[in-house]
Structures are given as C-alpha cells and as structure tokens.
Amino acid sequence: MSMEGYILLHRRVLAHYAFENERMSKREAWIWLLLQASYSPHKTLYKGKIITVDRGQIPTSFRKLSEEWKWSHNTVGAYLARLEQEGMLTQKTDHGFLVITICNYERYQNTKKLTDTHPDQTLTTDCPVTDTNIIKGNKNKEKKEGIQIPDWIPSEEWNQYVEMRIHEKKALNGNTTAIAIRKLTKLRMEGNDPRLVLEQSVFNSWIGLFPLKENKSNHGYSANQPAKQHVRTL
C-alpha cells in the first residue's frame, strides 16, 4: 500500500459512536489535535474569556485532553512535551488554559497546494525558537542580555513565584532564574503542568520546584511534599 498522498477526513469522526470511550493511541491523539485545530482565525468564549484563536491553534486544557484521550495528566504532559521537542507543535499556558499551535498547519492544510507538498513535510518545523534553545544558549550571552522566560511558562504564576521568593529573602538572580527554568523544563518533560508546579511552590512557600503527585481520588494533583532538607534549594 502506498503511503503517499492525502485523504479528506471529517471532524465528526471524533464523535462517532463506534469509537466512544476508547483510549487513544499516540497516533490517534495527534490526529485529534489536527482535527481540533482552528481552520481560520476567530474569536471565541473560552472559560468565561473572549480569546482570539489563530489558524492552527487549539484552546484546551490538560484536564480536557486527559478526558478526551483517556490518559493520565502525566502522560498528556509528557506526550505534548515530546511533540514540541520534535517540532510538531508549540504550547503556551496562560490564565488557566492551554493554547496548542500546530507547526506548519498553514502549509499542509492549504488544499490548493496538496499536490505540491510532500507528506513528510507535515512533521518538520517552522515554529519559533523553543525553550530548549534558550536554556542551552551561551551563558555569557544570558548574563549580558538577561534571561528570556519561555512562552510556555504562565506569566501570572511565574510572577507569583518570583514575588514569593523575594518575600522569603531568596530572590531570583540571573543564575537561579536559569536553574528554575531548566527545572521547570525537566518537570514539564516528565508530564508536570508548569502552572501547577509554580502554584504548588507558591502555596507552600517552597523555594524549589518539585514534581506533582497525581491524586486519583479527585482527578487532580496533590503536592508531593519534598523532604525538609530539600525544600529551600535553588
């Protein structure tokens, strides 16, 4: 069977009764994202706020993806981080919801150019420089130009974390900011929601950043409190 070419796939396949209550595979989850992505820019009401959704974007949440895919929160987080690392999407958490942007959506969803685009190109990236590039950048450049906070780190929760550290007389500097970003990146790659990680540290006045422990009783997260000697690290 040839693996070249394209087919048309209707979005209603996601709601077909034949596939109800099935746990999705990784490939099916990727197709779900493609089918959910906005075809054209528009404004919509999401969680009580009017937001602008660009072509190729999906406003969602880790909880919704967990429910739709029948995956744990950790599995969802690790999967999205892997796709971002591969240059297939970007994700940004802001004001309590997640915005996923499909890389190259404009190129390979243009039906007028389907015959001019090789299918493999759907997995390459035209996305902006990611946090990985920032974190692995030249340290001297960081000291000279300051640390750039990646877009996927929620600004509100990050600012609360910064303020909490100031209050605890452990204010962030250039070096500890870079360490905190690297720690958040690692936790995110392991499937932890950066917003919840930051909220956990702020709530408990923890200087460090630690993994979340999934609480199956309420389908959310509860703090996995670190040992006392590790609390005031970073």
Protein backbone atom coordinates (compact mmCIF):
# COMPACT_ATOMS: atom_id res chain seq x y z
CA MET A 1 0.00 0.00 0.00
CA SER A 2 1.35 3.42 -0.97
CA MET A 3 1.95 5.87 1.90
CA GLU A 4 1.88 8.88 -0.42
CA GLY A 5 -0.95 11.37 -0.92
CA TYR A 6 -3.84 12.66 1.21
CA ILE A 7 -7.43 11.90 2.15
CA LEU A 8 -10.22 14.15 3.40
CA LEU A 9 -11.22 13.36 6.97
CA HIS A 10 -14.32 14.94 8.52
CA ARG A 11 -14.08 16.33 12.06
CA ARG A 12 -17.22 14.41 13.04
CA VAL A 13 -15.16 11.21 13.12
CA LEU A 14 -14.11 12.30 16.62
CA ALA A 15 -17.70 11.96 17.86
CA HIS A 16 -18.61 8.75 16.03
CA TYR A 17 -20.36 6.21 18.26
CA ALA A 18 -18.11 3.39 17.03
CA PHE A 19 -15.14 4.95 18.85
CA GLU A 20 -16.79 6.07 22.08
CA ASN A 21 -14.95 5.54 25.39
CA GLU A 22 -11.81 4.18 23.72
CA ARG A 23 -8.36 5.09 24.95
CA MET A 24 -6.48 6.81 22.12
CA SER A 25 -3.11 5.77 20.79
CA LYS A 26 -0.37 8.37 20.32
CA ARG A 27 -1.10 8.49 16.58
CA GLU A 28 -4.82 8.97 17.22
CA ALA A 29 -4.10 11.75 19.72
CA TRP A 30 -2.05 13.58 17.05
CA ILE A 31 -4.91 13.21 14.53
CA TRP A 32 -7.31 14.50 17.23
CA LEU A 33 -5.16 17.63 17.58
CA LEU A 34 -5.09 18.18 13.81
CA LEU A 35 -8.87 17.84 13.59
CA GLN A 36 -9.47 20.15 16.56
CA ALA A 37 -7.16 22.91 15.26
CA SER A 38 -8.91 26.05 14.05
CA TYR A 39 -9.13 26.31 10.25
CA SER A 40 -9.41 30.11 10.29
CA PRO A 41 -8.73 32.91 12.82
CA HIS A 42 -11.71 33.74 15.03
CA LYS A 43 -12.74 34.93 18.47
CA THR A 44 -14.43 32.60 20.90
CA LEU A 45 -15.58 32.48 24.51
CA TYR A 46 -13.40 30.09 26.49
CA LYS A 47 -13.71 29.68 30.27
CA GLY A 48 -15.57 32.99 30.52
CA LYS A 49 -13.00 34.96 28.50
CA ILE A 50 -13.08 36.14 24.90
CA ILE A 51 -9.90 34.94 23.22
CA THR A 52 -8.53 35.11 19.68
CA VAL A 53 -7.74 31.73 18.16
CA ASP A 54 -5.41 31.77 15.16
CA ARG A 55 -5.36 29.28 12.30
CA GLY A 56 -3.85 26.00 13.51
CA GLN A 57 -4.46 26.71 17.21
CA ILE A 58 -6.42 24.77 19.84
CA PRO A 59 -7.55 26.32 23.14
CA THR A 60 -7.78 23.47 25.62
CA SER A 61 -6.50 22.23 29.00
CA PHE A 62 -4.59 19.26 30.35
CA ARG A 63 -7.77 18.10 32.08
CA LYS A 64 -9.78 18.16 28.83
CA LEU A 65 -7.07 16.29 26.90
CA SER A 66 -6.87 13.73 29.69
CA GLU A 67 -10.62 13.16 29.50
CA GLU A 68 -10.76 13.05 25.69
CA TRP A 69 -7.79 10.74 25.23
CA LYS A 70 -8.42 8.63 28.36
CA TRP A 71 -4.85 9.31 29.50
CA SER A 72 -3.40 10.39 32.85
CA HIS A 73 -2.37 14.03 33.26
CA ASN A 74 1.29 13.00 33.39
CA THR A 75 1.02 11.04 30.13
CA VAL A 76 -0.65 14.00 28.40
CA GLY A 77 2.03 16.42 29.59
CA ALA A 78 4.91 14.15 28.56
CA TYR A 79 3.35 13.50 25.14
CA LEU A 80 2.86 17.20 24.36
CA ALA A 81 6.38 17.97 25.51
CA ARG A 82 7.71 15.27 23.19
CA LEU A 83 5.74 16.62 20.20
CA GLU A 84 7.06 20.10 20.96
CA GLN A 85 10.59 18.77 21.16
CA GLU A 86 10.09 17.16 17.73
CA GLY A 87 8.90 20.49 16.30
CA MET A 88 5.34 19.32 15.65
CA LEU A 89 3.59 21.83 17.91
CA THR A 90 4.12 24.57 20.48
CA GLN A 91 2.17 25.08 23.68
CA LYS A 92 1.57 28.06 25.90
CA THR A 93 -0.26 28.18 29.21
CA ASP A 94 -1.93 31.49 30.00
CA HIS A 95 -4.63 32.50 32.51
CA GLY A 96 -5.58 28.92 33.34
CA PHE A 97 -5.89 27.41 29.87
CA LEU A 98 -3.57 25.85 27.33
CA VAL A 99 -3.11 27.05 23.73
CA ILE A 100 -1.57 24.49 21.37
CA THR A 101 -0.28 25.65 17.97
CA ILE A 102 0.25 23.07 15.22
CA CYS A 103 3.51 23.73 13.39
CA ASN A 104 3.26 24.10 9.59
CA TYR A 105 -0.55 23.98 9.71
CA GLU A 106 -0.81 26.73 7.10
CA ARG A 107 1.44 24.88 4.68
CA TYR A 108 -0.03 21.41 4.70
CA GLN A 109 -3.70 22.31 5.26
CA ASN A 110 -3.85 24.51 2.15
CA THR A 111 -5.96 22.30 -0.13
CA LYS A 112 -4.85 24.23 -3.21
CA LYS A 113 -1.27 23.07 -2.66
CA LEU A 114 -1.77 19.48 -1.55
CA THR A 115 -0.14 18.07 -4.66
CA ASP A 116 2.90 20.31 -4.16
CA THR A 117 3.63 19.28 -0.57
CA HIS A 118 5.26 16.03 0.45
CA PRO A 119 3.55 14.35 3.44
CA ASP A 120 6.81 14.16 5.40
CA GLN A 121 6.88 17.95 5.49
CA THR A 122 3.97 17.92 7.94
CA LEU A 123 6.39 16.81 10.64
CA THR A 124 9.06 19.45 10.07
CA THR A 125 9.03 22.74 11.90
CA ASP A 126 8.73 26.39 11.06
CA CYS A 127 7.99 27.16 14.70
CA PRO A 128 9.86 29.82 16.67
CA VAL A 129 12.92 29.03 18.74
CA THR A 130 11.90 26.93 21.73
CA ASP A 131 12.89 27.00 25.35
CA THR A 132 15.42 24.24 24.72
CA ASN A 133 17.45 26.58 22.54
CA ILE A 134 17.20 29.33 25.14
CA ILE A 135 18.29 27.13 28.02
CA LYS A 136 21.24 25.67 26.10
CA GLY A 137 22.34 29.10 24.91
CA ASN A 138 25.62 30.77 25.67
CA LYS A 139 25.84 31.60 29.39
CA ASN A 140 27.79 34.78 28.74
CA LYS A 141 25.02 35.96 26.42
CA GLU A 142 22.48 35.23 29.15
CA LYS A 143 24.39 37.38 31.63
CA LYS A 144 24.70 40.21 29.10
CA GLU A 145 21.18 40.21 27.68
CA GLY A 146 19.22 38.74 30.59
CA ILE A 147 17.23 35.51 30.80
CA GLN A 148 14.30 35.12 28.42
CA ILE A 149 11.32 33.41 30.05
CA PRO A 150 9.84 30.80 27.63
CA ASP A 151 6.30 31.43 26.39
CA TRP A 152 5.02 28.17 27.86
CA ILE A 153 5.69 29.38 31.42
CA PRO A 154 2.46 31.08 32.63
CA SER A 155 3.33 34.70 33.42
CA GLU A 156 0.89 35.14 36.32
CA GLU A 157 2.07 32.07 38.24
CA TRP A 158 5.73 32.81 37.44
CA ASN A 159 5.39 36.35 38.82
CA GLN A 160 3.78 34.99 41.98
CA TYR A 161 6.70 32.58 42.36
CA VAL A 162 9.19 35.44 41.89
CA GLU A 163 7.37 37.57 44.49
CA MET A 164 7.21 34.66 46.94
CA ARG A 165 10.99 34.18 46.66
CA ILE A 166 11.53 37.87 47.33
CA HIS A 167 9.31 37.62 50.41
CA GLU A 168 11.32 34.59 51.59
CA LYS A 169 14.56 36.58 51.07
CA LYS A 170 15.67 34.21 48.33
CA ALA A 171 15.15 36.50 45.32
CA LEU A 172 15.98 35.08 41.89
CA ASN A 173 19.07 36.32 40.07
CA GLY A 174 20.34 35.51 36.58
CA ASN A 175 21.85 32.20 37.64
CA THR A 176 18.96 30.94 39.78
CA THR A 177 16.42 32.04 37.14
CA ALA A 178 18.19 29.86 34.57
CA ILE A 179 18.21 26.97 37.07
CA ALA A 180 14.47 27.42 37.74
CA ILE A 181 13.70 27.39 34.00
CA ARG A 182 15.77 24.24 33.50
CA LYS A 183 13.98 22.60 36.41
CA LEU A 184 10.55 23.56 35.05
CA THR A 185 11.57 22.25 31.63
CA LYS A 186 12.57 18.89 33.10
CA LEU A 187 9.37 18.65 35.14
CA ARG A 188 7.32 19.56 32.07
CA MET A 189 9.03 16.86 30.01
CA GLU A 190 8.06 14.41 32.75
CA GLY A 191 4.40 15.43 32.39
CA ASN A 192 4.01 18.01 35.17
CA ASP A 193 1.91 21.09 34.38
CA PRO A 194 4.24 24.12 34.92
CA ARG A 195 1.35 26.23 36.19
CA LEU A 196 0.51 23.70 38.90
CA VAL A 197 4.19 23.25 39.79
CA LEU A 198 4.54 27.00 40.35
CA GLU A 199 1.25 27.20 42.26
CA GLN A 200 2.40 24.33 44.48
CA SER A 201 5.63 26.11 45.41
CA VAL A 202 3.90 29.46 46.00
CA PHE A 203 1.16 27.89 48.14
CA ASN A 204 3.70 26.05 50.31
CA SER A 205 6.35 28.84 50.24
CA TRP A 206 8.81 26.39 48.74
CA ILE A 207 11.91 27.95 47.24
CA GLY A 208 12.44 24.95 44.96
CA LEU A 209 10.26 23.44 42.21
CA PHE A 210 9.09 19.85 42.63
CA PRO A 211 7.05 17.16 40.81
CA LEU A 212 3.31 16.85 41.30
CA LYS A 213 1.72 13.70 42.55
CA GLU A 214 -1.46 12.75 40.72
CA ASN A 215 -4.40 12.35 43.04
CA LYS A 216 -6.69 9.72 41.58
CA SER A 217 -9.46 10.44 44.09
CA ASN A 218 -10.23 13.87 42.63
CA HIS A 219 -8.63 13.56 39.19
CA GLY A 220 -6.31 16.41 40.05
CA TYR A 221 -2.97 16.92 41.69
CA SER A 222 -1.87 16.97 45.26
CA ALA A 223 1.50 18.16 46.41
CA ASN A 224 4.18 15.52 46.71
CA GLN A 225 5.95 17.28 49.57
CA PRO A 226 9.74 17.00 49.34
CA ALA A 227 11.97 16.10 52.25
CA LYS A 228 12.58 19.00 54.60
CA GLN A 229 16.26 19.32 53.73
CA HIS A 230 15.40 19.80 50.05
CA VAL A 231 12.72 22.47 50.40
CA ARG A 232 14.96 25.53 50.37
CA THR A 233 17.04 24.69 47.32
CA LEU A 234 17.80 26.60 44.10
